[in-house]
Amino acid sequence: MTQTIQASVIQIDELESRFGLQEVLDDQFFREWQDGLPEIGDWEKESLDRLKSGYLNLLKKPPLLENAVRMAVLHPLLFISGFYLSPFHVKAEKSVTIALEDEDSLIIEGRIDVLVLKEQFWLVVIESKRAGISLEEGIAQLLAYMLGTPNPKKPIFGMLTNGSHFLFAKLVKGETPQYALSDEFVLRRRENELYRVLSVLKRLAQLI
């Protein structure tokens, strides 16, 4: 009997038991968020400072819903990162279906908030949550979307944000899907951690 569930309610232990997903704790598995990060220019820093200030100002009048997070933080960040320029292509609200065929077939359905592609290769899958929601609540949903990659031979990267916090993920599908997570970047810290977020995004863009 086929069971269909939404990605927004999937749990990591279900992905582990049904898809064989494994978390890799070896620090060498996901070096892309740490090594070879490009420098960012003065105009980028100025733009990110304004972006941070504007977002923190919005937080003074809650609630800040998911669409507002995308408008105020996510899309400007992608613009500064260069993902709206060739050779990249951005799709919003991309429908995804992940199927597991066994005696108890499972289908996971959902919509990716933002998908960045290059020649149909999924470079970055981005899932945003409304402000105030812990990123922990979105990790399983992000990983479920990443399992839907049409190119299982190459690593796929993801980013999860609620506007105030940012987390990167790497997944290598293969026979046994494996993933790892980055440290969490937080806007409320004294230094503008959007600088590092932008550097990671630019580094991922360089990989292909």
Protein backbone atom coordinates (compact mmCIF):
# COMPACT_ATOMS: atom_id res chain seq x y z
CA MET A 1 0.00 0.00 0.00
CA THR A 2 1.41 3.37 -1.02
CA GLN A 3 1.71 6.03 1.68
CA THR A 4 2.04 9.71 0.74
CA ILE A 5 3.29 12.25 3.27
CA GLN A 6 4.32 15.89 3.13
CA ALA A 7 8.01 16.79 3.43
CA SER A 8 7.11 19.40 6.05
CA VAL A 9 6.16 16.67 8.56
CA ILE A 10 8.86 14.08 7.78
CA GLN A 11 11.29 13.19 10.59
CA ILE A 12 14.99 12.44 10.26
CA ASP A 13 14.58 8.97 11.77
CA GLU A 14 12.06 8.16 9.01
CA LEU A 15 14.58 9.24 6.36
CA GLU A 16 17.17 7.08 8.07
CA SER A 17 14.97 3.98 8.29
CA ARG A 18 13.24 4.26 4.90
CA PHE A 19 15.99 5.74 2.70
CA GLY A 20 19.08 4.56 4.60
CA LEU A 21 20.18 8.16 5.18
CA GLN A 22 23.29 8.47 7.37
CA GLU A 23 24.78 11.50 9.10
CA VAL A 24 28.55 11.83 8.69
CA LEU A 25 30.35 13.31 11.69
CA ASP A 26 33.81 13.24 10.10
CA ASP A 27 34.80 16.89 9.66
CA GLN A 28 36.47 16.10 6.34
CA PHE A 29 33.22 15.11 4.63
CA PHE A 30 31.89 18.66 4.37
CA ARG A 31 34.81 21.06 3.99
CA GLU A 32 33.12 23.29 1.40
CA TRP A 33 31.68 25.62 4.04
CA GLN A 34 35.11 26.05 5.64
CA ASP A 35 37.89 25.87 3.03
CA GLY A 36 38.70 28.08 0.06
CA LEU A 37 36.06 30.68 0.85
CA PRO A 38 36.33 33.69 -1.49
CA GLU A 39 36.84 37.20 -0.17
CA ILE A 40 33.88 39.54 -0.44
CA GLY A 41 34.18 43.12 -1.62
CA ASP A 42 33.34 46.41 0.07
CA TRP A 43 30.08 46.87 -1.87
CA GLU A 44 28.99 43.37 -0.82
CA LYS A 45 29.78 44.10 2.83
CA GLU A 46 27.87 47.37 2.64
CA SER A 47 24.89 45.60 1.07
CA LEU A 48 24.95 42.87 3.73
CA ASP A 49 25.17 45.45 6.52
CA ARG A 50 22.06 47.15 5.15
CA LEU A 51 20.37 43.77 4.73
CA LYS A 52 21.08 42.85 8.36
CA SER A 53 19.90 46.23 9.66
CA GLY A 54 16.72 46.09 7.62
CA TYR A 55 15.86 42.58 8.77
CA LEU A 56 16.49 43.33 12.44
CA ASN A 57 14.26 46.39 12.06
CA LEU A 58 11.47 44.19 10.69
CA LEU A 59 11.74 41.94 13.73
CA LYS A 60 10.63 44.84 15.92
CA LYS A 61 7.10 44.39 14.58
CA PRO A 62 6.30 40.66 14.62
CA PRO A 63 5.07 38.34 13.36
CA LEU A 64 7.45 37.99 10.42
CA LEU A 65 6.03 35.26 8.17
CA GLU A 66 7.86 33.00 5.72
CA ASN A 67 7.12 35.15 2.66
CA ALA A 68 8.57 38.17 4.45
CA VAL A 69 11.72 36.22 5.29
CA ARG A 70 12.16 35.33 1.62
CA MET A 71 11.55 38.91 0.51
CA ALA A 72 13.67 40.65 3.14
CA VAL A 73 16.63 38.26 3.42
CA LEU A 74 16.72 35.28 1.09
CA HIS A 75 16.17 36.84 -2.33
CA PRO A 76 18.48 39.84 -1.71
CA LEU A 77 21.16 37.38 -0.54
CA LEU A 78 20.80 35.32 -3.72
CA PHE A 79 21.01 38.50 -5.78
CA ILE A 80 24.23 39.59 -4.09
CA SER A 81 25.60 36.03 -4.51
CA GLY A 82 25.12 36.23 -8.27
CA PHE A 83 22.67 33.34 -8.55
CA TYR A 84 20.31 35.35 -10.74
CA LEU A 85 23.03 35.63 -13.40
CA SER A 86 24.00 33.12 -16.09
CA PRO A 87 24.88 30.24 -15.93
CA PHE A 88 22.56 29.82 -12.94
CA HIS A 89 18.81 29.56 -12.98
CA VAL A 90 16.53 30.11 -9.99
CA LYS A 91 13.17 28.43 -9.57
CA ALA A 92 10.76 29.30 -6.77
CA GLU A 93 8.20 26.93 -5.24
CA LYS A 94 9.56 23.91 -7.12
CA SER A 95 7.39 20.81 -6.62
CA VAL A 96 9.29 17.68 -5.60
CA THR A 97 8.25 14.05 -5.29
CA ILE A 98 10.55 11.45 -3.74
CA ALA A 99 9.44 7.83 -4.08
CA LEU A 100 10.70 4.75 -2.25
CA GLU A 101 9.65 1.51 -3.86
CA ASP A 102 9.41 -1.44 -1.48
CA GLU A 103 6.67 -3.57 0.00
CA ASP A 104 5.34 -0.46 1.76
CA SER A 105 5.85 2.23 -0.87
CA LEU A 106 6.46 5.73 0.45
CA ILE A 107 6.05 8.97 -1.49
CA ILE A 108 7.22 12.30 -0.07
CA GLU A 109 5.79 15.43 -1.63
CA GLY A 110 6.55 19.09 -1.10
CA ARG A 111 7.61 22.43 -2.56
CA ILE A 112 11.16 23.74 -2.39
CA ASP A 113 11.17 27.44 -1.55
CA VAL A 114 14.10 28.22 -3.87
CA LEU A 115 16.04 25.91 -6.16
CA VAL A 116 19.26 27.06 -7.86
CA LEU A 117 20.19 25.06 -10.94
CA LYS A 118 23.02 24.95 -13.43
CA GLU A 119 22.31 22.86 -16.52
CA GLN A 120 19.65 20.96 -14.57
CA PHE A 121 22.09 20.17 -11.78
CA TRP A 122 20.71 21.11 -8.38
CA LEU A 123 23.39 23.26 -6.83
CA VAL A 124 21.60 24.71 -3.83
CA VAL A 125 18.24 23.75 -2.37
CA ILE A 126 17.01 26.48 -0.04
CA GLU A 127 14.25 26.13 2.49
CA SER A 128 13.07 29.14 4.48
CA LYS A 129 10.99 29.24 7.66
CA ARG A 130 9.21 32.08 9.37
CA ALA A 131 11.13 34.04 11.96
CA GLY A 132 11.02 32.46 15.40
CA ILE A 133 10.93 28.88 14.09
CA SER A 134 13.97 26.81 15.10
CA LEU A 135 16.06 25.52 12.23
CA GLU A 136 15.91 22.09 13.85
CA GLU A 137 12.30 21.86 12.68
CA GLY A 138 13.34 22.25 9.03
CA ILE A 139 16.41 20.00 8.74
CA ALA A 140 14.48 16.84 7.87
CA GLN A 141 12.40 18.72 5.29
CA LEU A 142 15.54 20.12 3.65
CA LEU A 143 17.20 16.69 3.54
CA ALA A 144 14.05 15.14 2.04
CA TYR A 145 14.15 17.67 -0.79
CA MET A 146 17.86 17.04 -1.33
CA LEU A 147 17.16 13.30 -1.65
CA GLY A 148 15.05 14.21 -4.68
CA THR A 149 18.09 15.34 -6.69
CA PRO A 150 17.97 14.08 -10.30
CA ASN A 151 21.76 13.62 -10.36
CA PRO A 152 22.73 11.13 -7.64
CA LYS A 153 26.39 10.97 -8.70
CA LYS A 154 27.24 14.52 -7.61
CA PRO A 155 27.05 16.16 -4.17
CA ILE A 156 24.14 18.49 -3.58
CA PHE A 157 24.15 21.37 -1.14
CA GLY A 158 21.35 22.99 0.80
CA MET A 159 20.74 26.01 2.97
CA LEU A 160 18.11 26.42 5.66
CA THR A 161 17.18 29.80 7.11
CA ASN A 162 14.56 31.48 9.26
CA GLY A 163 16.01 34.91 8.46
CA SER A 164 18.00 35.14 11.69
CA HIS A 165 19.84 31.81 11.49
CA PHE A 166 21.51 30.02 8.58
CA LEU A 167 22.60 26.40 8.23
CA PHE A 168 24.25 24.63 5.29
CA ALA A 169 23.98 20.94 4.39
CA LYS A 170 25.77 18.59 2.02
CA LEU A 171 24.30 15.33 0.75
CA VAL A 172 25.97 12.62 -1.33
CA LYS A 173 23.29 10.25 -2.52
CA GLY A 174 25.11 7.18 -3.87
CA GLU A 175 24.04 3.71 -2.71
CA THR A 176 23.89 4.92 0.87
CA PRO A 177 22.83 8.59 1.15
CA GLN A 178 25.12 10.52 3.50
CA TYR A 179 24.85 14.06 4.81
CA ALA A 180 26.58 16.54 7.08
CA LEU A 181 25.68 19.96 8.47
CA SER A 182 27.68 23.15 8.92
CA ASP A 183 27.84 25.32 11.99
CA GLU A 184 24.93 27.70 12.43
CA PHE A 185 25.37 31.37 11.48
CA VAL A 186 23.41 33.90 13.53
CA LEU A 187 22.53 37.51 12.69
CA ARG A 188 22.28 38.63 16.31
CA ARG A 189 26.02 38.22 16.86
CA ARG A 190 28.22 41.31 16.99
CA GLU A 191 29.96 40.59 13.68
CA ASN A 192 27.82 40.39 10.58
CA GLU A 193 27.75 36.66 9.91
CA LEU A 194 26.05 37.28 6.57
CA TYR A 195 29.61 37.88 5.33
CA ARG A 196 30.39 34.22 5.98
CA VAL A 197 27.05 33.05 4.58
CA LEU A 198 27.75 34.93 1.35
CA SER A 199 31.27 33.50 1.15
CA VAL A 200 29.90 29.96 1.49
CA LEU A 201 27.30 30.57 -1.22
CA LYS A 202 29.95 31.95 -3.57
CA ARG A 203 32.18 28.97 -2.80
CA LEU A 204 29.40 26.53 -3.69
CA ALA A 205 28.87 28.41 -6.95
CA GLN A 206 32.55 27.91 -7.80
CA LEU A 207 32.41 24.14 -7.37
CA ILE A 208 30.69 23.54 -10.69
